[in-house]
């Protein structure tokens, strides 16, 4: 008799794109060579959690093209369950171009995703046992932005997980150009955040979504909607947190000697926070881990290349990691 597959620890969904990263600095129009990678905020988190040993499922649609096959190959290589990834022969897999910067500034990114297979995600893609069988749902604000049907799926998944008594984390990950207006974006994403246990906005995202400038007020806004905890990312200043039981504080950022690529820092932070919370760690440890993995992410080119394995993370979290040679070797290996 065939063994029943193990239940997932985490499920997430969204759009993966093939990403072409410039091999040289300068205007993308004049770049002749690129390196192929994958991109997608929710997929980055899925990759990071899978590398830490969690059983992760990712739901999506990809085209029946070489880009779609590439995404599926990456999922297999990372050990991510793709049982709910549909190959859609009608529409293509999206892709993007990303510039290479050597000064630590944000790279330029050009998207080619309109009408993609993933933009046709809908309630038809929902598999109840697959989703509610998982311990945790991680959502970002990207997938709800790509289409009305994908947005409907996000809300359905969140409501079903909430009804099942499972936990939910939500990272706004704003993409204003995908929305008809900033008001529509704020209304939808704040409603989705109201279904989450943990909300993880960046401070500028919090300003856009809530109208408040202070981290404390941003946190209070989401706590009043029912969140158990809110974590506000402060960039180089670390992260602020406030919980429903009144605990609050700031956890300093990890120092970084040279910033290589800022894209993916927030996803790395989410990997650290979600993994620690799922392990039953306290919120301060979760933020420390989030800051640590976010710092790793910005020291390499690529959105997920800096995400550590469990062994690398364990070495970095060891008490003597400031001087331990093993920990430094792990950091250099990422």
Protein backbone atom coordinates (compact mmCIF):
# COMPACT_ATOMS: atom_id res chain seq x y z
CA UNK A 1 0.00 0.00 0.00
CA UNK A 2 1.36 3.42 -0.94
CA UNK A 3 2.35 5.54 2.06
CA UNK A 4 0.31 8.66 2.67
CA UNK A 5 2.39 11.77 1.95
CA UNK A 6 3.39 13.87 4.94
CA UNK A 7 1.35 16.98 5.59
CA UNK A 8 2.97 20.26 4.64
CA UNK A 9 4.42 22.64 7.19
CA UNK A 10 3.85 25.67 4.99
CA UNK A 11 1.85 26.39 1.87
CA UNK A 12 2.08 29.53 -0.24
CA UNK A 13 1.09 30.58 -3.74
CA UNK A 14 1.87 33.13 -6.42
CA UNK A 15 3.74 33.81 -9.61
CA UNK A 16 7.25 32.69 -10.46
CA UNK A 17 9.08 34.37 -13.29
CA UNK A 18 12.26 33.53 -15.06
CA UNK A 19 14.67 36.34 -14.21
CA UNK A 20 17.57 37.46 -16.35
CA UNK A 21 20.19 39.28 -14.27
CA UNK A 22 22.60 41.51 -16.18
CA UNK A 23 26.19 40.29 -16.19
CA UNK A 24 27.49 43.87 -16.32
CA UNK A 25 26.48 47.24 -14.91
CA UNK A 26 24.76 49.89 -16.97
CA UNK A 27 21.57 50.48 -18.91
CA UNK A 28 19.69 47.25 -19.61
CA UNK A 29 19.38 48.32 -23.23
CA UNK A 30 23.14 48.00 -23.64
CA UNK A 31 23.69 44.79 -21.66
CA UNK A 32 24.54 41.82 -23.87
CA UNK A 33 24.76 38.95 -21.40
CA UNK A 34 22.48 37.80 -18.60
CA UNK A 35 22.33 35.01 -16.04
CA UNK A 36 19.08 33.06 -15.74
CA UNK A 37 17.46 32.65 -12.32
CA UNK A 38 13.95 32.48 -10.84
CA UNK A 39 12.08 35.30 -9.14
CA UNK A 40 8.90 35.68 -7.14
CA UNK A 41 8.41 36.90 -3.56
CA UNK A 42 6.36 33.92 -2.38
CA UNK A 43 8.64 31.49 -4.19
CA UNK A 44 11.68 33.04 -2.52
CA UNK A 45 10.09 32.38 0.87
CA UNK A 46 9.20 28.83 -0.15
CA UNK A 47 12.81 28.21 -1.20
CA UNK A 48 14.18 29.65 2.03
CA UNK A 49 11.88 27.58 4.24
CA UNK A 50 12.57 24.41 2.26
CA UNK A 51 16.32 24.91 2.70
CA UNK A 52 15.73 25.05 6.45
CA UNK A 53 14.06 21.65 6.34
CA UNK A 54 10.37 22.59 6.31
CA UNK A 55 7.95 20.69 4.09
CA UNK A 56 6.75 23.42 1.74
CA UNK A 57 4.10 23.43 -0.97
CA UNK A 58 3.78 26.13 -3.60
CA UNK A 59 0.66 26.65 -5.73
CA UNK A 60 0.80 28.35 -9.10
CA UNK A 61 0.39 28.15 -12.85
CA UNK A 62 3.24 28.11 -15.35
CA UNK A 63 3.16 28.05 -19.11
CA UNK A 64 3.90 24.98 -21.18
CA UNK A 65 7.16 26.56 -22.26
CA UNK A 66 10.86 26.41 -21.44
CA UNK A 67 10.48 29.06 -18.72
CA UNK A 68 7.77 26.99 -17.07
CA UNK A 69 9.92 23.85 -17.23
CA UNK A 70 12.77 25.82 -15.68
CA UNK A 71 10.57 26.88 -12.75
CA UNK A 72 9.50 23.27 -12.20
CA UNK A 73 13.14 22.14 -12.28
CA UNK A 74 14.01 24.71 -9.60
CA UNK A 75 11.12 23.52 -7.41
CA UNK A 76 12.35 19.94 -7.70
CA UNK A 77 15.94 20.91 -6.95
CA UNK A 78 14.86 22.86 -3.84
CA UNK A 79 12.61 20.07 -2.56
CA UNK A 80 9.39 22.10 -2.85
CA UNK A 81 6.15 20.21 -3.42
CA UNK A 82 4.65 21.12 -6.80
CA UNK A 83 1.53 18.95 -6.67
CA UNK A 84 -0.66 22.05 -7.09
CA UNK A 85 1.33 23.72 -9.85
CA UNK A 86 -0.65 23.62 -13.10
CA UNK A 87 0.97 23.66 -16.53
CA UNK A 88 -1.25 25.99 -18.55
CA UNK A 89 -0.70 25.57 -22.29
CA UNK A 90 -2.79 28.64 -23.11
CA UNK A 91 -0.62 31.32 -21.53
CA UNK A 92 3.13 31.95 -21.11
CA UNK A 93 5.35 32.01 -18.04
CA UNK A 94 6.32 35.59 -17.18
CA UNK A 95 9.90 36.83 -17.12
CA UNK A 96 11.85 39.87 -16.00
CA UNK A 97 15.14 41.66 -16.61
CA UNK A 98 17.19 42.99 -13.70
CA UNK A 99 20.16 45.33 -13.85
CA UNK A 100 23.43 44.80 -12.02
CA UNK A 101 24.50 47.58 -9.66
CA UNK A 102 27.80 47.79 -7.84
CA UNK A 103 26.96 50.63 -5.45
CA UNK A 104 24.36 48.93 -3.27
CA UNK A 105 21.45 50.85 -4.83
CA UNK A 106 18.22 49.17 -5.89
CA UNK A 107 18.55 47.54 -9.31
CA UNK A 108 16.28 48.41 -12.21
CA UNK A 109 13.73 45.69 -12.96
CA UNK A 110 11.57 45.37 -16.08
CA UNK A 111 8.64 42.94 -15.97
CA UNK A 112 7.06 40.97 -18.81
CA UNK A 113 4.15 39.33 -17.02
CA UNK A 114 0.89 40.69 -18.46
CA UNK A 115 -1.44 37.83 -19.37
CA UNK A 116 0.88 35.24 -17.83
CA UNK A 117 -0.27 31.78 -16.82
CA UNK A 118 -0.05 32.72 -13.14
CA UNK A 119 -2.29 35.75 -13.64
CA UNK A 120 -5.06 33.26 -14.42
CA UNK A 121 -4.89 31.68 -10.97
CA UNK A 122 -8.41 31.41 -9.53
CA UNK A 123 -10.60 29.49 -7.10
CA UNK A 124 -10.44 26.60 -9.59
CA UNK A 125 -6.83 26.09 -8.44
CA UNK A 126 -7.80 25.71 -4.78
CA UNK A 127 -7.39 22.21 -3.31
CA UNK A 128 -8.86 22.20 0.19
CA UNK A 129 -7.01 19.20 1.63
CA UNK A 130 -3.71 20.47 0.27
CA UNK A 131 -4.06 23.94 1.78
CA UNK A 132 -5.79 23.32 5.10
CA UNK A 133 -3.67 20.23 5.69
CA UNK A 134 -0.66 22.51 6.12
CA UNK A 135 0.32 24.06 9.45
CA UNK A 136 0.83 27.55 8.09
CA UNK A 137 -0.06 29.78 5.15
CA UNK A 138 2.29 32.51 3.98
CA UNK A 139 0.84 35.20 1.74
CA UNK A 140 2.34 38.23 0.03
CA UNK A 141 0.69 41.23 -1.57
CA UNK A 142 2.08 40.34 -5.00
CA UNK A 143 -0.18 37.45 -5.98
CA UNK A 144 -3.40 39.33 -5.07
CA UNK A 145 -2.22 42.19 -7.29
CA UNK A 146 -1.75 40.24 -10.52
CA UNK A 147 -5.47 39.70 -11.20
CA UNK A 148 -8.91 39.83 -9.64
CA UNK A 149 -9.22 36.03 -9.76
CA UNK A 150 -5.87 35.55 -8.04
CA UNK A 151 -6.93 38.05 -5.39
CA UNK A 152 -10.14 36.07 -4.81
CA UNK A 153 -8.00 32.96 -4.32
CA UNK A 154 -5.83 34.71 -1.71
CA UNK A 155 -8.83 35.71 0.38
CA UNK A 156 -10.37 32.25 0.09
CA UNK A 157 -7.17 30.55 1.20
CA UNK A 158 -6.82 32.91 4.16
CA UNK A 159 -10.42 32.44 5.29
CA UNK A 160 -10.23 28.67 4.98
CA UNK A 161 -6.97 28.48 6.93
CA UNK A 162 -8.36 30.77 9.60
CA UNK A 163 -11.48 28.61 9.89
CA UNK A 164 -9.27 25.54 10.22
CA UNK A 165 -7.40 27.12 13.13
CA UNK A 166 -4.10 27.33 11.25
CA UNK A 167 -1.68 30.27 11.32
CA UNK A 168 -1.14 32.88 8.61
CA UNK A 169 1.65 35.35 7.92
CA UNK A 170 1.28 38.24 5.48
CA UNK A 171 3.99 40.36 3.86
CA UNK A 172 2.46 43.27 1.91
CA UNK A 173 5.29 43.35 -0.65
CA UNK A 174 3.70 46.27 -2.48
CA UNK A 175 3.57 46.43 -6.28
CA UNK A 176 1.65 49.70 -6.91
CA UNK A 177 1.93 49.46 -10.70
CA UNK A 178 -0.19 46.29 -10.68
CA UNK A 179 -3.14 48.03 -8.99
CA UNK A 180 -5.67 50.45 -10.50
CA UNK A 181 -4.96 52.90 -7.65
CA UNK A 182 -3.14 53.15 -4.34
CA UNK A 183 -6.50 53.38 -2.60
CA UNK A 184 -7.63 50.07 -4.11
CA UNK A 185 -4.31 48.50 -3.13
CA UNK A 186 -4.56 49.68 0.47
CA UNK A 187 -8.18 48.59 0.83
CA UNK A 188 -7.58 45.08 -0.49
CA UNK A 189 -4.29 44.41 1.28
CA UNK A 190 -5.49 45.78 4.62
CA UNK A 191 -8.52 43.48 4.37
CA UNK A 192 -6.20 40.54 3.68
CA UNK A 193 -3.93 41.56 6.56
CA UNK A 194 -6.96 41.47 8.85
CA UNK A 195 -7.11 37.70 8.28
CA UNK A 196 -3.47 37.13 9.23
CA UNK A 197 -1.88 36.30 12.57
CA UNK A 198 1.39 38.06 11.77
CA UNK A 199 1.71 41.10 9.50
CA UNK A 200 5.18 42.08 8.21
CA UNK A 201 5.16 45.49 6.48
CA UNK A 202 8.18 47.60 5.73
CA UNK A 203 7.92 51.02 7.35
CA UNK A 204 7.32 52.79 4.01
CA UNK A 205 4.71 50.15 3.12
CA UNK A 206 3.04 50.80 6.45
CA UNK A 207 2.84 54.51 5.68
CA UNK A 208 1.23 53.78 2.30
CA UNK A 209 -1.26 51.27 3.65
CA UNK A 210 -2.25 52.85 6.96
CA UNK A 211 -1.44 56.54 6.62
CA UNK A 212 0.63 56.41 9.82
CA UNK A 213 4.31 57.33 9.85
CA UNK A 214 5.38 55.82 13.19
CA UNK A 215 6.06 52.11 13.58
CA UNK A 216 4.04 52.01 16.78
CA UNK A 217 0.97 53.43 15.04
CA UNK A 218 1.35 51.10 12.05
CA UNK A 219 1.49 48.14 14.42
CA UNK A 220 -1.51 49.37 16.39
CA UNK A 221 -3.51 49.71 13.16
CA UNK A 222 -3.13 46.00 12.36
CA UNK A 223 -3.44 44.84 15.97
CA UNK A 224 -6.78 46.60 16.12
CA UNK A 225 -7.85 44.53 13.12
CA UNK A 226 -7.06 41.28 14.94
CA UNK A 227 -3.43 40.49 14.23
CA UNK A 228 -1.56 38.64 16.99
CA UNK A 229 1.64 40.46 16.13
CA UNK A 230 3.02 43.08 13.77
CA UNK A 231 6.63 43.35 12.67
CA UNK A 232 7.69 46.57 10.96
CA UNK A 233 10.89 46.31 8.92
CA UNK A 234 13.15 49.32 9.42
CA UNK A 235 15.89 48.49 6.92
CA UNK A 236 19.36 49.25 8.26
CA UNK A 237 17.82 50.06 11.65
CA UNK A 238 16.49 46.53 12.17
CA UNK A 239 12.86 45.74 12.95
CA UNK A 240 10.18 46.88 15.39
CA UNK A 241 7.59 44.50 16.81
CA UNK A 242 4.45 44.75 18.87
CA UNK A 243 2.21 41.87 19.94
CA UNK A 244 -1.43 41.69 20.99
CA UNK A 245 -0.39 41.09 24.60
CA UNK A 246 1.57 44.35 24.69
CA UNK A 247 5.14 43.14 24.20
CA UNK A 248 7.14 45.47 21.95
CA UNK A 249 10.67 46.43 21.06
CA UNK A 250 13.30 46.95 18.38
CA UNK A 251 15.78 44.29 17.30
CA UNK A 252 18.88 45.84 15.65
CA UNK A 253 19.91 44.91 12.12
CA UNK A 254 22.90 42.71 11.36
CA UNK A 255 25.84 44.78 10.08
CA UNK A 256 26.73 44.25 6.42
CA UNK A 257 30.11 45.34 5.04
CA UNK A 258 29.00 45.52 1.39
CA UNK A 259 25.50 45.49 -0.05
CA UNK A 260 25.44 43.71 -3.41
CA UNK A 261 21.75 43.28 -4.31
CA UNK A 262 18.89 44.66 -2.21
CA UNK A 263 16.15 42.64 -3.92
CA UNK A 264 15.04 39.70 -1.79
CA UNK A 265 15.98 41.19 1.57
CA UNK A 266 12.37 41.31 2.73
CA UNK A 267 11.76 37.75 1.58
CA UNK A 268 14.82 36.58 3.48
CA UNK A 269 13.55 38.42 6.54
CA UNK A 270 10.20 36.63 6.21
CA UNK A 271 11.98 33.27 5.96
CA UNK A 272 13.75 33.96 9.25
CA UNK A 273 10.67 35.19 11.09
CA UNK A 274 8.26 32.50 9.87
CA UNK A 275 10.73 29.65 10.43
CA UNK A 276 11.47 30.76 13.99
CA UNK A 277 7.81 31.23 14.88
CA UNK A 278 6.96 27.78 13.49
CA UNK A 279 9.69 26.37 15.70
CA UNK A 280 8.05 27.96 18.74
CA UNK A 281 10.78 30.59 19.24
CA UNK A 282 9.90 33.90 20.82
CA UNK A 283 9.37 36.98 18.70
CA UNK A 284 12.75 38.55 19.54
CA UNK A 285 14.57 35.45 18.33
CA UNK A 286 12.36 35.47 15.23
CA UNK A 287 13.39 39.04 14.42
CA UNK A 288 17.06 38.28 15.06
CA UNK A 289 16.85 35.41 12.59
CA UNK A 290 14.91 37.53 10.13
CA UNK A 291 17.54 40.26 10.28
CA UNK A 292 20.31 37.69 9.90
CA UNK A 293 18.86 36.02 6.81
CA UNK A 294 17.88 39.36 5.32
CA UNK A 295 21.50 40.46 5.72
CA UNK A 296 22.69 37.32 3.94
CA UNK A 297 20.28 37.92 1.07
CA UNK A 298 21.68 41.36 0.21
CA UNK A 299 25.29 40.18 0.02
CA UNK A 300 24.82 38.15 -3.17
CA UNK A 301 23.34 38.67 -6.63
CA UNK A 302 19.96 37.01 -7.02
CA UNK A 303 16.74 36.94 -5.06
CA UNK A 304 17.18 33.58 -3.30
CA UNK A 305 20.85 32.68 -3.70
CA UNK A 306 21.74 34.05 -0.25
CA UNK A 307 19.18 31.98 1.66
CA UNK A 308 21.00 29.54 3.97
CA UNK A 309 20.60 25.83 4.57
CA UNK A 310 19.75 24.58 8.06
CA UNK A 311 23.39 23.67 8.73
CA UNK A 312 24.60 27.10 7.65
CA UNK A 313 21.98 28.83 9.77
CA UNK A 314 22.79 26.68 12.82
CA UNK A 315 26.45 27.64 12.53
CA UNK A 316 25.57 31.32 12.26
CA UNK A 317 23.22 31.17 15.24
CA UNK A 318 25.76 29.42 17.47
CA UNK A 319 26.64 31.52 20.57
CA UNK A 320 30.26 31.82 19.48
CA UNK A 321 29.41 32.78 15.90
CA UNK A 322 31.21 36.12 16.08
CA UNK A 323 34.55 34.33 16.25
CA UNK A 324 33.77 30.74 15.27
CA UNK A 325 35.53 29.73 12.05
CA UNK A 326 32.73 27.34 11.10
CA UNK A 327 30.17 30.14 11.21
CA UNK A 328 32.32 32.43 9.11
CA UNK A 329 32.84 29.63 6.60
CA UNK A 330 29.07 29.13 6.44
CA UNK A 331 28.51 32.82 5.77
CA UNK A 332 31.15 32.84 3.02
CA UNK A 333 29.64 29.74 1.46
CA UNK A 334 26.22 31.34 0.96
